[in-house]
């Protein structure tokens, strides 16, 4: 199985130690002819490699007919895009004949839980994901026009976060650096005590808060301001504001902080001291390397958050 993993494009650049660890968190599973592997609308919590047999990917049209989109045989991998982006499956996968698949990660493991076990390995794996998707997109762009409808659908799947409607970290890393105009403000936001929110009010409340913050961030760009609102990971979000200097960036950050304070008025009716605040870091991209400024701004936000939050700090 090590050789199968090594020969799969998405894992091909990983170290043998990394691959050996990932193998301990994978599962070999047989599927009978005609058995459904995943259905449309199901959560994409695995990626798959065909050990033997054949798998078909289909999609139902408006008339109810199934149309074949792709077939995979021994050595092929599938389900990578939606797994990486944490989206829902928009197609169905079915075993065309008796097949055996390698499934990563094995339930109940997730990328988040694995990152706690082996942070270095999972960090390298995320870089492989980024390289894989960027390579596929470049290939697509070279073959056909970006205006083709299914290309736009693909870009939406990997560039748009389904919970908040914001752009994903992949969009930030792949597209934004080449679009920047100086000066550009980087504002990174993290709600404080978010775990307490989930523990007290439930994960649905946490999702609702992220969705509301996402809407507020998108609304910042409804007028003349040019930029992007992004969900980095979990409860960490940011906005990239073009043609924005330090004084205006501070005003925007203050507005974001005030909007977050207003979320969830119903909580005040309950007997709890929970109050939703936020940690916000600001950086200005002028002449320095964008990734360096972004990284320093992120570290600044984390430092504020670890000290209790409810503050705005500016990277000098």
Protein backbone atom coordinates (compact mmCIF):
# COMPACT_ATOMS: atom_id res chain seq x y z
CA UNK A 1 0.00 0.00 0.00
CA UNK A 2 2.95 2.33 0.55
CA UNK A 3 3.79 2.17 -3.15
CA UNK A 4 0.16 2.85 -4.10
CA UNK A 5 0.10 5.93 -1.89
CA UNK A 6 3.47 7.10 -3.23
CA UNK A 7 2.32 6.72 -6.83
CA UNK A 8 -0.81 8.82 -6.23
CA UNK A 9 -0.27 12.39 -7.44
CA UNK A 10 -1.62 14.13 -4.37
CA UNK A 11 0.73 12.21 -2.03
CA UNK A 12 3.69 11.79 -4.38
CA UNK A 13 6.00 14.43 -2.84
CA UNK A 14 5.55 13.35 0.79
CA UNK A 15 8.35 11.75 2.78
CA UNK A 16 8.22 8.02 3.45
CA UNK A 17 7.75 8.71 7.16
CA UNK A 18 4.74 10.86 6.29
CA UNK A 19 3.29 8.17 4.03
CA UNK A 20 3.78 5.48 6.66
CA UNK A 21 1.89 7.59 9.20
CA UNK A 22 -0.95 8.28 6.74
CA UNK A 23 -1.22 4.56 6.00
CA UNK A 24 -1.96 3.92 9.68
CA UNK A 25 -4.91 6.29 9.32
CA UNK A 26 -6.36 4.79 6.13
CA UNK A 27 -8.78 1.93 5.58
CA UNK A 28 -9.04 -0.74 2.89
CA UNK A 29 -12.72 -1.28 2.13
CA UNK A 30 -14.42 -3.60 -0.39
CA UNK A 31 -17.45 -2.48 -2.40
CA UNK A 32 -19.80 -4.81 -4.26
CA UNK A 33 -20.89 -4.21 -7.84
CA UNK A 34 -23.51 -1.43 -7.84
CA UNK A 35 -22.76 -0.33 -4.26
CA UNK A 36 -22.86 3.42 -3.58
CA UNK A 37 -19.57 4.85 -2.29
CA UNK A 38 -20.95 8.33 -1.65
CA UNK A 39 -24.16 10.12 -2.64
CA UNK A 40 -24.91 13.63 -3.82
CA UNK A 41 -25.30 15.94 -0.84
CA UNK A 42 -23.23 13.82 1.54
CA UNK A 43 -20.30 15.33 3.42
CA UNK A 44 -16.91 14.94 1.73
CA UNK A 45 -14.92 13.57 4.66
CA UNK A 46 -12.65 11.18 2.72
CA UNK A 47 -10.62 10.93 -0.44
CA UNK A 48 -10.36 7.61 -2.26
CA UNK A 49 -7.78 5.54 -4.16
CA UNK A 50 -8.83 2.55 -6.26
CA UNK A 51 -6.87 -0.55 -5.28
CA UNK A 52 -8.80 -2.82 -7.67
CA UNK A 53 -12.00 -2.75 -9.66
CA UNK A 54 -13.69 0.26 -11.25
CA UNK A 55 -15.66 3.27 -9.98
CA UNK A 56 -18.05 5.48 -11.93
CA UNK A 57 -19.01 9.08 -11.11
CA UNK A 58 -22.51 10.12 -12.20
CA UNK A 59 -24.78 13.12 -11.93
CA UNK A 60 -28.55 13.34 -12.30
CA UNK A 61 -29.93 15.87 -14.76
CA UNK A 62 -33.25 17.69 -14.47
CA UNK A 63 -35.00 14.87 -16.32
CA UNK A 64 -33.87 12.38 -13.67
CA UNK A 65 -31.40 10.54 -15.87
CA UNK A 66 -27.91 9.68 -14.66
CA UNK A 67 -25.03 10.86 -16.81
CA UNK A 68 -21.55 9.40 -16.52
CA UNK A 69 -18.89 12.03 -15.75
CA UNK A 70 -15.78 9.90 -15.10
CA UNK A 71 -14.49 6.40 -14.50
CA UNK A 72 -11.62 5.40 -12.24
CA UNK A 73 -9.55 2.21 -12.29
CA UNK A 74 -6.74 0.73 -10.21
CA UNK A 75 -4.27 3.40 -9.10
CA UNK A 76 -6.62 6.34 -9.68
CA UNK A 77 -7.69 8.71 -6.92
CA UNK A 78 -10.96 10.64 -6.73
CA UNK A 79 -12.93 12.93 -4.45
CA UNK A 80 -9.90 15.18 -3.79
CA UNK A 81 -11.42 18.58 -4.56
CA UNK A 82 -14.46 18.35 -2.32
CA UNK A 83 -12.47 16.65 0.44
CA UNK A 84 -9.86 19.41 0.49
CA UNK A 85 -12.47 22.16 0.56
CA UNK A 86 -14.80 20.41 3.01
CA UNK A 87 -17.74 20.72 0.62
CA UNK A 88 -20.74 18.49 0.02
CA UNK A 89 -20.61 16.00 -2.81
CA UNK A 90 -22.40 17.26 -5.93
CA UNK A 91 -22.18 13.88 -7.68
CA UNK A 92 -22.61 10.17 -6.90
CA UNK A 93 -19.84 7.55 -6.86
CA UNK A 94 -20.70 3.90 -7.44
CA UNK A 95 -18.70 0.70 -7.75
CA UNK A 96 -19.01 -0.46 -11.36
CA UNK A 97 -17.76 -3.94 -10.44
CA UNK A 98 -16.50 -5.60 -7.28
CA UNK A 99 -13.86 -3.15 -6.11
CA UNK A 100 -11.52 -2.39 -3.24
CA UNK A 101 -10.69 1.17 -2.21
CA UNK A 102 -8.15 2.83 0.05
CA UNK A 103 -10.02 5.46 2.09
CA UNK A 104 -8.28 8.39 3.80
CA UNK A 105 -8.69 9.27 6.59
CA UNK A 106 -10.26 6.29 8.32
CA UNK A 107 -13.26 7.23 10.51
CA UNK A 108 -13.27 8.78 13.09
CA UNK A 109 -10.03 10.54 12.13
CA UNK A 110 -10.16 13.98 10.49
CA UNK A 111 -7.47 16.30 9.18
CA UNK A 112 -7.90 18.40 12.32
CA UNK A 113 -7.39 15.44 14.65
CA UNK A 114 -4.42 14.21 12.60
CA UNK A 115 -2.83 17.66 12.73
CA UNK A 116 -2.75 17.32 16.53
CA UNK A 117 -0.99 13.96 16.24
CA UNK A 118 1.49 14.87 13.48
CA UNK A 119 1.45 18.62 12.78
CA UNK A 120 4.53 18.53 10.53
CA UNK A 121 3.15 15.72 8.38
CA UNK A 122 -0.27 17.33 7.98
CA UNK A 123 1.33 20.71 7.19
CA UNK A 124 3.24 19.06 4.36
CA UNK A 125 0.05 17.33 3.26
CA UNK A 126 -1.76 20.69 3.05
CA UNK A 127 1.04 21.97 0.81
CA UNK A 128 0.52 18.91 -1.40
CA UNK A 129 -3.20 19.74 -1.58
CA UNK A 130 -2.44 23.30 -2.62
CA UNK A 131 0.03 22.19 -5.28
CA UNK A 132 -2.38 19.56 -6.58
CA UNK A 133 -5.30 21.95 -7.00
CA UNK A 134 -3.18 24.74 -8.46
CA UNK A 135 -1.75 22.31 -11.01
CA UNK A 136 -5.21 21.08 -12.00
CA UNK A 137 -6.54 24.61 -12.36
CA UNK A 138 -3.64 25.68 -14.55
CA UNK A 139 -4.25 22.66 -16.77
CA UNK A 140 -7.93 23.50 -17.05
CA UNK A 141 -7.19 27.13 -17.85
CA UNK A 142 -4.83 26.09 -20.62
CA UNK A 143 -7.37 23.77 -22.19
CA UNK A 144 -10.57 25.78 -22.16
CA UNK A 145 -12.01 29.21 -21.55
CA UNK A 146 -12.56 30.29 -17.94
CA UNK A 147 -16.10 31.25 -18.95
CA UNK A 148 -17.08 27.61 -19.44
CA UNK A 149 -19.89 26.90 -16.97
CA UNK A 150 -18.43 23.76 -15.43
CA UNK A 151 -15.08 25.48 -14.84
CA UNK A 152 -16.89 28.21 -12.92
CA UNK A 153 -18.69 25.50 -10.95
CA UNK A 154 -15.35 23.87 -10.13
CA UNK A 155 -13.86 27.19 -9.06
CA UNK A 156 -16.87 27.84 -6.85
CA UNK A 157 -16.37 24.48 -5.17
CA UNK A 158 -12.74 25.10 -4.28
CA UNK A 159 -12.75 28.88 -3.90
CA UNK A 160 -16.02 29.48 -1.98
CA UNK A 161 -16.64 28.35 1.61
CA UNK A 162 -20.11 26.77 1.72
CA UNK A 163 -20.95 27.89 5.29
CA UNK A 164 -20.04 31.58 5.13
CA UNK A 165 -20.08 32.26 1.39
CA UNK A 166 -16.60 33.78 1.75
CA UNK A 167 -13.56 32.95 -0.34
CA UNK A 168 -11.36 30.08 0.89
CA UNK A 169 -7.72 30.07 1.97
CA UNK A 170 -6.91 28.40 -1.34
CA UNK A 171 -8.22 31.46 -3.20
CA UNK A 172 -6.07 33.69 -1.01
CA UNK A 173 -2.92 31.67 -1.69
CA UNK A 174 -3.54 31.02 -5.39
CA UNK A 175 -5.17 34.15 -6.77
CA UNK A 176 -4.96 37.22 -4.54
CA UNK A 177 -1.18 37.93 -4.60
CA UNK A 178 -1.24 38.60 -8.34
CA UNK A 179 -4.24 40.95 -8.03
CA UNK A 180 -2.93 43.24 -5.30
CA UNK A 181 -2.54 46.99 -5.66
CA UNK A 182 -0.54 48.88 -3.05
CA UNK A 183 -1.31 49.90 -0.40
CA UNK A 184 -3.41 46.93 0.68
CA UNK A 185 -4.75 46.36 4.18
CA UNK A 186 -4.79 42.87 5.70
CA UNK A 187 -7.27 42.54 8.55
CA UNK A 188 -7.43 39.16 10.32
CA UNK A 189 -10.29 38.40 12.71
CA UNK A 190 -10.86 35.66 15.29
CA UNK A 191 -13.87 35.61 17.65
CA UNK A 192 -12.80 35.21 21.27
CA UNK A 193 -13.85 32.25 23.43
CA UNK A 194 -15.48 30.57 20.45
CA UNK A 195 -15.23 27.15 22.08
CA UNK A 196 -17.30 28.50 24.98
CA UNK A 197 -19.91 29.66 22.48
CA UNK A 198 -20.16 26.16 20.99
CA UNK A 199 -20.19 24.52 24.43
CA UNK A 200 -22.91 26.80 25.85
CA UNK A 201 -25.19 27.29 22.85
CA UNK A 202 -24.25 24.41 20.52
CA UNK A 203 -22.39 24.13 17.23
CA UNK A 204 -25.36 25.40 15.24
CA UNK A 205 -25.04 28.68 17.11
CA UNK A 206 -21.34 28.76 16.27
CA UNK A 207 -22.08 28.18 12.59
CA UNK A 208 -24.74 30.91 12.66
CA UNK A 209 -22.24 33.35 14.16
CA UNK A 210 -19.65 32.60 11.47
CA UNK A 211 -22.29 32.99 8.76
CA UNK A 212 -23.36 36.36 10.21
CA UNK A 213 -19.76 37.60 10.45
CA UNK A 214 -19.25 36.42 6.88
CA UNK A 215 -22.24 38.42 5.67
CA UNK A 216 -21.03 41.53 7.50
CA UNK A 217 -17.55 41.19 5.97
CA UNK A 218 -18.98 40.79 2.47
CA UNK A 219 -21.12 43.89 2.97
CA UNK A 220 -17.96 45.94 3.47
CA UNK A 221 -17.35 45.61 -0.27
CA UNK A 222 -20.86 46.51 -1.46
CA UNK A 223 -19.91 50.12 -2.24
CA UNK A 224 -16.69 51.43 -3.77
CA UNK A 225 -14.26 49.52 -1.60
CA UNK A 226 -12.44 46.77 -3.56
CA UNK A 227 -11.28 43.63 -1.80
CA UNK A 228 -12.03 40.11 -0.65
CA UNK A 229 -13.49 38.51 2.46
CA UNK A 230 -11.95 35.13 3.28
CA UNK A 231 -12.47 32.27 5.71
CA UNK A 232 -8.96 31.09 6.55
CA UNK A 233 -9.86 28.04 8.66
CA UNK A 234 -12.29 27.25 11.45
CA UNK A 235 -13.30 30.53 13.09
CA UNK A 236 -10.45 32.58 11.60
CA UNK A 237 -11.44 35.07 8.91
CA UNK A 238 -9.84 38.00 7.14
CA UNK A 239 -10.42 40.75 4.63
CA UNK A 240 -7.99 42.07 2.05
CA UNK A 241 -8.75 45.73 1.20
CA UNK A 242 -7.21 47.28 -1.90
CA UNK A 243 -6.00 50.88 -1.88
CA UNK A 244 -6.37 51.13 1.89
CA UNK A 245 -3.94 52.95 4.16
CA UNK A 246 -3.46 52.52 7.89
CA UNK A 247 -6.04 55.09 9.19
CA UNK A 248 -8.85 53.65 7.04
CA UNK A 249 -7.83 50.08 7.94
CA UNK A 250 -8.19 50.94 11.63
CA UNK A 251 -11.67 52.37 11.00
CA UNK A 252 -12.70 49.20 9.14
CA UNK A 253 -11.35 46.97 11.94
CA UNK A 254 -13.21 49.00 14.55
CA UNK A 255 -16.43 48.63 12.56
CA UNK A 256 -15.92 44.87 12.32
CA UNK A 257 -15.32 44.63 16.08
CA UNK A 258 -18.48 46.63 16.84
CA UNK A 259 -20.54 44.47 14.46
CA UNK A 260 -19.33 41.30 16.18
CA UNK A 261 -20.32 42.74 19.58
CA UNK A 262 -23.87 43.19 18.27
CA UNK A 263 -24.30 39.54 17.24
CA UNK A 264 -26.63 37.35 19.29
CA UNK A 265 -28.86 39.69 21.31
CA UNK A 266 -30.94 36.68 22.44
CA UNK A 267 -28.02 35.52 24.59
CA UNK A 268 -28.59 38.40 26.98
CA UNK A 269 -31.97 36.86 27.83
CA UNK A 270 -30.20 33.79 29.20
CA UNK A 271 -28.31 33.60 32.47
CA UNK A 272 -24.82 33.54 31.07
CA UNK A 273 -21.92 35.94 31.15
CA UNK A 274 -20.85 35.04 27.62
CA UNK A 275 -20.09 38.08 25.50
CA UNK A 276 -18.90 37.79 21.90
CA UNK A 277 -15.74 39.81 21.33
CA UNK A 278 -12.94 39.51 18.81
CA UNK A 279 -9.18 39.65 18.32
CA UNK A 280 -8.15 41.62 15.24
CA UNK A 281 -4.73 42.11 13.65
CA UNK A 282 -3.98 44.70 10.97
CA UNK A 283 -1.09 44.74 8.50
CA UNK A 284 -0.39 47.04 5.54
CA UNK A 285 1.15 45.61 2.38
CA UNK A 286 3.21 48.36 0.78
CA UNK A 287 6.64 47.34 -0.43
CA UNK A 288 7.34 44.14 1.49
CA UNK A 289 6.48 40.61 0.40
CA UNK A 290 2.75 39.97 0.83
CA UNK A 291 3.16 36.52 2.40
CA UNK A 292 5.58 37.92 4.98
CA UNK A 293 3.20 40.73 5.95
CA UNK A 294 0.27 38.31 6.09
CA UNK A 295 2.18 35.85 8.28
CA UNK A 296 3.28 38.57 10.70
CA UNK A 297 -0.25 39.97 10.90
CA UNK A 298 -1.62 36.49 11.63
CA UNK A 299 0.94 35.97 14.41
CA UNK A 300 -0.02 39.34 15.87
CA UNK A 301 -3.71 38.40 15.90
CA UNK A 302 -2.88 35.06 17.58
CA UNK A 303 -0.82 36.86 20.24
CA UNK A 304 -3.74 39.19 21.01
CA UNK A 305 -6.18 36.27 21.11
CA UNK A 306 -4.02 34.22 23.51
CA UNK A 307 -3.89 37.19 25.89
CA UNK A 308 -7.68 37.31 26.17
CA UNK A 309 -8.60 39.18 23.01
CA UNK A 310 -11.10 42.01 22.64
CA UNK A 311 -8.39 44.16 21.08
CA UNK A 312 -7.19 45.52 17.74
CA UNK A 313 -3.43 45.50 17.12
CA UNK A 314 -1.44 46.87 14.20
CA UNK A 315 1.68 45.34 12.71
CA UNK A 316 4.36 48.02 12.40
